[in-house]
Each structure stands twice: as structure tokens, then as C-alpha cells.
């Protein structure tokens, strides 16, 4: 996959290249930015299930998709997640990256380290861990019997949203996922039980540019335990 900036940007929807407007930007620029974002976060009607458009008034514009300068030693194509800032970066060439806003676990993202995407799923099934059933027994009423056990089939009511990417270390599932959400207003906050959630329109964009085997780096913060498995949610 060609990840030089020009080729990658031209391959994205136009709104993906909309950078933060500088202070003092003209009213015309602001209107253009709004219309561009309205286009990228518009409803998607040609997927397996319809995806509603995003009410941009409910989301901090800092967490909308942008191509930004990003200095890193990681190779182009790498995903870097910064839980403290609530950003996920897809590294491009020439010191640039596509930056997406994310939501993280209520107690902060407690795992950090390096993993790879070993699996990707469109409209993934959700299998809550036993510990979650223990904390929220009412969840069992929403589950069905799936090939992998008690779970919720993929669809609009599923908390994993339209796409999911599964993080592994060697032959071990970290139980962390990068996934979509039908609650876009939660982006930029501590909301999930530990995974990284994205606006559905954004997770589809990332999914389409992320092959199996992609390296994922989760940045740590003081006191975080590295390489610690966590519940999937």
C-alpha cells in the first residue's frame, strides 16, 4: 500500500484531508470545513446495515478526522494510539498522519505496548467476557447462542459497531479491539470497558486502509502496566 502523503490523501474521501483551521480563518473557510465534515460523516446507506449520519454539534471538532503533522519513528502504515489525548494516528509518509478521535475505557486505557491486527470483521459479533456477565447479569437477556458461545450478533444494536480490528501479541489475543460505535457523542471521553471505540464512519475508513498484520502501538502513561490483557468490550 502506497502511503506517501499525496497518494494516500488522494485515496481518502475529501473530508479526510480537512485540517484544523487556523485562528482568524475566514467565514468562507469555516463554512467549507463544516460542509466537508457533513459529507464525510453523512449517512451510509450501502453497507450491510444502514449507518446514520453524525450530529456534528454533539462532538468536539478536535476529534473529527484530520490529516496532521506527526513526528514518529514508526513506519508508515503503523497505527499509534494515544489514550491520554483520545487520538488514534495512522502514520503516513513525510511526517504526516491521519488522526482520528477515539473513546477509551472509563478507568483509562490500562494496557500499553505493541501488538498486531490479526483479524478484522465487518459487523462483528460481540462476546462479553464472563466477568462482565458477573457485573451486569442483565446482559445475558440480550445474548443469543452464537458459534463462539453466548454473544450478540453483529448489527446496529451491537456495541462493536460496523467494524472491528483485533489486537494480538504473537499467538495471544490481548482482548483489545479497535471498533465502531453508534454513540459518536462519546468520542473523546472515557466510556467503554477497555477497548478503543471510533465513529463508525471513521472506523470504516481506518479498516479500509489497514491490512492484516498491521503494527499497533499503544502509548503508555505513568503507572500503566504493559502487555496486560483486558476484557473485550
Protein backbone atom coordinates (compact mmCIF):
# COMPACT_ATOMS: atom_id res chain seq x y z
CA UNK A 1 0.00 0.00 0.00
CA UNK A 2 1.42 3.35 -1.08
CA UNK A 3 1.49 5.62 1.96
CA UNK A 4 3.23 8.68 0.62
CA UNK A 5 1.15 11.66 1.57
CA UNK A 6 -0.13 12.62 -1.88
CA UNK A 7 -1.16 9.13 -2.92
CA UNK A 8 -2.79 8.39 0.43
CA UNK A 9 -4.65 11.70 0.67
CA UNK A 10 -5.96 11.35 -2.87
CA UNK A 11 -7.24 7.90 -1.95
CA UNK A 12 -9.25 9.20 1.01
CA UNK A 13 -12.62 10.95 0.91
CA UNK A 14 -12.11 14.68 0.56
CA UNK A 15 -13.10 15.39 4.16
CA UNK A 16 -10.30 13.20 5.48
CA UNK A 17 -7.77 15.86 4.50
CA UNK A 18 -9.54 18.71 6.28
CA UNK A 19 -7.01 20.06 8.77
CA UNK A 20 -7.71 22.23 11.79
CA UNK A 21 -8.47 25.77 10.74
CA UNK A 22 -6.02 28.42 12.00
CA UNK A 23 -7.18 31.20 14.27
CA UNK A 24 -8.71 34.00 12.29
CA UNK A 25 -9.81 31.78 9.42
CA UNK A 26 -12.43 33.35 7.20
CA UNK A 27 -16.13 32.63 7.44
CA UNK A 28 -15.93 31.06 3.97
CA UNK A 29 -13.23 28.64 5.18
CA UNK A 30 -15.31 27.71 8.22
CA UNK A 31 -18.39 27.08 6.07
CA UNK A 32 -16.30 24.93 3.71
CA UNK A 33 -14.94 22.93 6.65
CA UNK A 34 -18.43 22.32 8.01
CA UNK A 35 -19.75 21.21 4.63
CA UNK A 36 -16.75 18.92 4.15
CA UNK A 37 -17.30 17.24 7.51
CA UNK A 38 -21.01 16.95 6.84
CA UNK A 39 -20.10 15.00 3.72
CA UNK A 40 -17.71 12.56 5.39
CA UNK A 41 -19.99 11.95 8.37
CA UNK A 42 -23.13 11.66 6.27
CA UNK A 43 -25.38 8.58 6.45
CA UNK A 44 -24.06 5.41 4.80
CA UNK A 45 -26.86 3.51 3.11
CA UNK A 46 -24.92 1.00 1.00
CA UNK A 47 -23.36 -1.08 3.80
CA UNK A 48 -24.78 -4.33 5.18
CA UNK A 49 -26.83 -2.23 7.60
CA UNK A 50 -27.57 1.50 7.28
CA UNK A 51 -25.35 3.81 9.33
CA UNK A 52 -26.89 7.09 10.44
CA UNK A 53 -25.19 10.40 9.90
CA UNK A 54 -23.34 12.06 12.75
CA UNK A 55 -24.71 15.10 14.55
CA UNK A 56 -21.53 17.18 14.45
CA UNK A 57 -22.89 19.64 17.00
CA UNK A 58 -22.53 16.94 19.67
CA UNK A 59 -18.83 16.25 19.01
CA UNK A 60 -15.79 18.36 19.81
CA UNK A 61 -14.38 19.24 16.37
CA UNK A 62 -10.88 18.38 17.63
CA UNK A 63 -11.90 14.71 17.50
CA UNK A 64 -13.02 14.72 13.87
CA UNK A 65 -10.77 13.13 11.26
CA UNK A 66 -7.83 15.23 10.08
CA UNK A 67 -4.50 14.83 8.31
CA UNK A 68 -1.95 16.38 10.66
CA UNK A 69 1.83 16.68 11.07
CA UNK A 70 3.02 13.80 13.26
CA UNK A 71 6.63 13.08 14.11
CA UNK A 72 7.30 9.44 14.95
CA UNK A 73 9.93 6.78 14.36
CA UNK A 74 7.20 4.30 13.44
CA UNK A 75 6.95 3.20 9.82
CA UNK A 76 4.16 4.39 7.53
CA UNK A 77 1.09 2.20 7.92
CA UNK A 78 1.57 1.80 11.68
CA UNK A 79 -1.34 2.65 13.99
CA UNK A 80 -0.37 4.63 17.10
CA UNK A 81 -2.95 5.07 19.87
CA UNK A 82 -2.54 7.79 22.47
CA UNK A 83 -5.22 7.05 25.10
CA UNK A 84 -4.45 10.14 27.17
CA UNK A 85 -5.19 12.53 24.31
CA UNK A 86 -8.01 10.32 22.91
CA UNK A 87 -6.39 10.11 19.48
CA UNK A 88 -5.52 7.31 17.10
CA UNK A 89 -2.96 8.01 14.35
CA UNK A 90 -2.46 6.17 11.08
CA UNK A 91 1.13 7.03 10.17
CA UNK A 92 1.74 8.33 6.64
CA UNK A 93 4.98 9.27 4.94
CA UNK A 94 6.67 12.66 5.13
CA UNK A 95 5.93 13.32 8.81
CA UNK A 96 2.15 13.21 8.46
CA UNK A 97 -0.65 11.04 9.85
CA UNK A 98 -4.40 10.65 9.66
CA UNK A 99 -5.68 11.49 13.14
CA UNK A 100 -8.96 10.09 14.44
CA UNK A 101 -10.71 10.85 17.72
CA UNK A 102 -11.45 7.84 19.93
CA UNK A 103 -13.14 6.88 23.18
CA UNK A 104 -11.31 4.78 25.77
CA UNK A 105 -12.14 2.83 28.93
CA UNK A 106 -13.78 4.58 31.86
CA UNK A 107 -10.75 3.99 34.07
CA UNK A 108 -8.31 4.94 31.33
CA UNK A 109 -6.69 2.55 28.90
CA UNK A 110 -4.79 0.29 31.30
CA UNK A 111 -2.82 -1.66 28.69
CA UNK A 112 0.08 -0.35 26.65
CA UNK A 113 2.57 -1.98 24.35
CA UNK A 114 2.88 -3.27 20.80
CA UNK A 115 0.52 -5.64 19.02
CA UNK A 116 -0.59 -6.55 15.51
CA UNK A 117 -4.00 -6.73 13.90
CA UNK A 118 -4.54 -10.44 13.41
CA UNK A 119 -8.22 -10.32 12.43
CA UNK A 120 -10.73 -7.86 11.02
CA UNK A 121 -14.51 -8.21 10.96
CA UNK A 122 -17.34 -6.32 9.32
CA UNK A 123 -20.37 -6.05 11.61
CA UNK A 124 -18.65 -8.23 14.22
CA UNK A 125 -20.35 -10.42 16.80
CA UNK A 126 -19.77 -9.41 20.41
CA UNK A 127 -18.80 -11.92 23.09
CA UNK A 128 -18.73 -10.23 26.51
CA UNK A 129 -16.27 -11.83 28.95
CA UNK A 130 -17.62 -13.81 31.90
CA UNK A 131 -16.51 -11.04 34.26
CA UNK A 132 -18.86 -8.63 32.52
CA UNK A 133 -21.78 -11.00 32.91
CA UNK A 134 -20.91 -11.15 36.59
CA UNK A 135 -21.07 -7.37 36.89
CA UNK A 136 -24.08 -6.95 34.62
CA UNK A 137 -26.17 -10.16 34.70
CA UNK A 138 -28.95 -8.39 32.78
CA UNK A 139 -26.69 -8.53 29.71
CA UNK A 140 -27.46 -12.22 29.33
CA UNK A 141 -31.00 -11.33 28.30
CA UNK A 142 -29.59 -9.61 25.20
CA UNK A 143 -27.37 -12.53 24.18
CA UNK A 144 -28.02 -15.37 21.79
CA UNK A 145 -26.22 -18.65 21.23
CA UNK A 146 -23.56 -17.99 18.60
CA UNK A 147 -20.80 -20.28 17.24
CA UNK A 148 -18.39 -18.85 19.83
CA UNK A 149 -20.83 -19.12 22.74
CA UNK A 150 -23.17 -16.61 24.33
CA UNK A 151 -22.97 -13.39 22.39
CA UNK A 152 -24.70 -10.69 20.40
CA UNK A 153 -24.77 -10.96 16.60
CA UNK A 154 -23.41 -8.10 14.56
CA UNK A 155 -25.81 -5.31 13.67
CA UNK A 156 -26.97 -1.82 14.62
CA UNK A 157 -27.60 -2.79 18.25
CA UNK A 158 -24.14 -4.30 18.72
CA UNK A 159 -21.68 -2.19 20.79
CA UNK A 160 -18.79 -3.07 18.44
CA UNK A 161 -20.42 -1.08 15.65
CA UNK A 162 -19.77 -1.51 11.94
CA UNK A 163 -16.18 -2.78 12.04
CA UNK A 164 -13.69 -4.28 14.48
CA UNK A 165 -9.95 -4.94 14.37
CA UNK A 166 -8.48 -7.43 16.86
CA UNK A 167 -5.13 -6.86 18.57
CA UNK A 168 -2.85 -9.87 19.20
CA UNK A 169 0.64 -10.36 20.57
CA UNK A 170 2.15 -13.44 18.97
CA UNK A 171 -0.41 -16.23 19.43
CA UNK A 172 -2.21 -14.47 22.29
CA UNK A 173 -5.32 -12.37 21.93
CA UNK A 174 -4.88 -9.19 24.00
CA UNK A 175 -8.71 -8.96 24.10
CA UNK A 176 -8.43 -5.35 22.96
CA UNK A 177 -10.31 -4.22 19.86
CA UNK A 178 -10.48 -1.11 17.75
CA UNK A 179 -14.16 -0.89 16.88
CA UNK A 180 -17.02 1.37 15.83
CA UNK A 181 -19.84 2.83 17.85
CA UNK A 182 -23.40 4.04 17.33
CA UNK A 183 -22.79 6.57 20.13
CA UNK A 184 -20.49 9.06 18.36
CA UNK A 185 -21.05 11.70 21.05
CA UNK A 186 -18.92 9.55 23.39
CA UNK A 187 -15.78 10.08 21.30
CA UNK A 188 -13.12 11.96 23.25
CA UNK A 189 -14.30 10.56 26.60
CA UNK A 190 -13.74 7.56 28.90
CA UNK A 191 -16.70 5.39 28.02
CA UNK A 192 -16.05 1.75 27.17
CA UNK A 193 -14.83 -1.14 29.27
CA UNK A 194 -11.35 -1.03 27.83
CA UNK A 195 -11.35 -1.07 24.02
CA UNK A 196 -10.84 1.76 21.56
CA UNK A 197 -14.07 2.97 20.00
CA UNK A 198 -14.39 5.18 16.93
CA UNK A 199 -17.15 6.88 14.98
CA UNK A 200 -18.48 4.26 12.54
CA UNK A 201 -17.57 6.39 9.51
CA UNK A 202 -14.01 6.68 10.87
CA UNK A 203 -13.55 3.02 11.77
CA UNK A 204 -14.68 2.05 8.26
CA UNK A 205 -12.10 4.43 6.79
CA UNK A 206 -9.35 3.01 9.03
CA UNK A 207 -10.47 -0.56 8.33
CA UNK A 208 -10.20 0.02 4.58
CA UNK A 209 -6.59 1.23 4.93
CA UNK A 210 -5.43 -1.37 7.45
CA UNK A 211 -4.33 -4.83 6.27
CA UNK A 212 -3.97 -7.89 8.49
CA UNK A 213 -0.56 -7.78 10.18
CA UNK A 214 -0.57 -4.02 10.76
CA UNK A 215 1.53 -2.98 13.76
CA UNK A 216 -0.33 -1.19 16.55
CA UNK A 217 1.47 0.82 19.24
CA UNK A 218 -0.49 1.81 22.35
CA UNK A 219 1.31 4.57 24.18
CA UNK A 220 1.56 4.21 27.94
CA UNK A 221 1.14 6.69 30.77
CA UNK A 222 2.78 6.75 34.19
CA UNK A 223 1.66 3.78 36.25
CA UNK A 224 0.29 1.79 33.33
CA UNK A 225 1.12 -1.92 33.23
CA UNK A 226 2.46 -3.03 29.89
CA UNK A 227 1.27 -6.07 27.94
CA UNK A 228 -1.63 -6.67 30.34
CA UNK A 229 -4.67 -8.42 28.87
CA UNK A 230 -8.09 -6.89 29.44
CA UNK A 231 -11.74 -7.64 28.81
CA UNK A 232 -13.12 -7.20 25.34
CA UNK A 233 -15.85 -4.59 25.06
